[in-house]
């Protein structure tokens, strides 16, 4: 439903930096669109030599 809304770089309460993009979809399309976006994003970053951080949900920060 329209183009992505790119909010740019932001910080969370732990001081971590992240890039925020908002995608508007129908409720039924939410998860497929999210999965497609993340797959394309991570593939493009890796193909361009960006090392992705690994997040361990068991450890804070």
C-alpha atoms as a PDB file:
ATOM      1  CA  UNK A   1       0.000   0.000   0.000  1.00  0.00           C
ATOM      2  CA  UNK A   2       2.236   2.774  -1.219  1.00  0.00           C
ATOM      3  CA  UNK A   3       5.932   3.377  -0.912  1.00  0.00           C
ATOM      4  CA  UNK A   4       7.939   2.598   2.248  1.00  0.00           C
ATOM      5  CA  UNK A   5       8.265   5.452   4.710  1.00  0.00           C
ATOM      6  CA  UNK A   6      11.958   5.746   5.610  1.00  0.00           C
ATOM      7  CA  UNK A   7      12.421   7.306   9.045  1.00  0.00           C
ATOM      8  CA  UNK A   8      16.213   6.933   8.989  1.00  0.00           C
ATOM      9  CA  UNK A   9      18.613   6.212  11.827  1.00  0.00           C
ATOM     10  CA  UNK A  10      17.331   6.113  15.393  1.00  0.00           C
ATOM     11  CA  UNK A  11      18.554   4.877  18.790  1.00  0.00           C
ATOM     12  CA  UNK A  12      16.752   2.605  21.214  1.00  0.00           C
ATOM     13  CA  UNK A  13      16.789   2.902  25.013  1.00  0.00           C
ATOM     14  CA  UNK A  14      20.019   0.844  25.159  1.00  0.00           C
ATOM     15  CA  UNK A  15      21.828   3.261  22.813  1.00  0.00           C
ATOM     16  CA  UNK A  16      21.827   0.821  19.889  1.00  0.00           C
ATOM     17  CA  UNK A  17      21.584   2.402  16.456  1.00  0.00           C
ATOM     18  CA  UNK A  18      19.015   1.107  13.968  1.00  0.00           C
ATOM     19  CA  UNK A  19      17.482   2.152  10.658  1.00  0.00           C
ATOM     20  CA  UNK A  20      13.690   2.435  10.690  1.00  0.00           C
ATOM     21  CA  UNK A  21      11.508   1.779   7.652  1.00  0.00           C
ATOM     22  CA  UNK A  22       7.703   1.675   7.892  1.00  0.00           C
ATOM     23  CA  UNK A  23       5.747  -0.421   5.400  1.00  0.00           C
ATOM     24  CA  UNK A  24       1.960  -0.126   5.203  1.00  0.00           C
ATOM     25  CA  UNK A  25       0.091  -3.295   4.247  1.00  0.00           C
ATOM     26  CA  UNK A  26      -3.265  -4.975   4.557  1.00  0.00           C
ATOM     27  CA  UNK A  27      -3.484  -7.079   7.731  1.00  0.00           C
ATOM     28  CA  UNK A  28      -3.476 -10.310   5.717  1.00  0.00           C
ATOM     29  CA  UNK A  29      -0.283  -9.296   3.883  1.00  0.00           C
ATOM     30  CA  UNK A  30       1.680  -8.103   6.916  1.00  0.00           C
ATOM     31  CA  UNK A  31       3.868 -11.153   7.557  1.00  0.00           C
ATOM     32  CA  UNK A  32       4.567 -12.076   3.898  1.00  0.00           C
ATOM     33  CA  UNK A  33       5.581  -8.459   3.136  1.00  0.00           C
ATOM     34  CA  UNK A  34       7.743  -8.292   6.257  1.00  0.00           C
ATOM     35  CA  UNK A  35       9.483 -11.571   5.393  1.00  0.00           C
ATOM     36  CA  UNK A  36      10.057 -10.471   1.795  1.00  0.00           C
ATOM     37  CA  UNK A  37      11.467  -7.099   2.901  1.00  0.00           C
ATOM     38  CA  UNK A  38      13.879  -8.619   5.440  1.00  0.00           C
ATOM     39  CA  UNK A  39      15.048 -11.261   2.977  1.00  0.00           C
ATOM     40  CA  UNK A  40      15.766  -8.659   0.277  1.00  0.00           C
ATOM     41  CA  UNK A  41      17.401  -6.288   2.767  1.00  0.00           C
ATOM     42  CA  UNK A  42      19.716  -8.854   4.348  1.00  0.00           C
ATOM     43  CA  UNK A  43      20.652 -10.372   0.980  1.00  0.00           C
ATOM     44  CA  UNK A  44      21.526  -6.934  -0.431  1.00  0.00           C
ATOM     45  CA  UNK A  45      23.598  -5.997   2.620  1.00  0.00           C
ATOM     46  CA  UNK A  46      25.552  -9.283   2.590  1.00  0.00           C
ATOM     47  CA  UNK A  47      26.126  -9.094  -1.179  1.00  0.00           C
ATOM     48  CA  UNK A  48      27.637  -5.642  -0.627  1.00  0.00           C
ATOM     49  CA  UNK A  49      30.028  -6.781   2.080  1.00  0.00           C
ATOM     50  CA  UNK A  50      28.126  -5.611   5.159  1.00  0.00           C
ATOM     51  CA  UNK A  51      28.653  -7.848   8.195  1.00  0.00           C
ATOM     52  CA  UNK A  52      25.368  -8.275  10.017  1.00  0.00           C
ATOM     53  CA  UNK A  53      25.355  -8.319  13.823  1.00  0.00           C
ATOM     54  CA  UNK A  54      24.080 -11.386  15.622  1.00  0.00           C
ATOM     55  CA  UNK A  55      21.536 -10.658  18.314  1.00  0.00           C
ATOM     56  CA  UNK A  56      21.278 -12.984  21.325  1.00  0.00           C
ATOM     57  CA  UNK A  57      17.847 -12.493  22.890  1.00  0.00           C
ATOM     58  CA  UNK A  58      19.050 -14.165  26.097  1.00  0.00           C
ATOM     59  CA  UNK A  59      21.482 -11.329  26.829  1.00  0.00           C
ATOM     60  CA  UNK A  60      20.509  -7.698  27.456  1.00  0.00           C
ATOM     61  CA  UNK A  61      21.857  -4.973  25.163  1.00  0.00           C
END
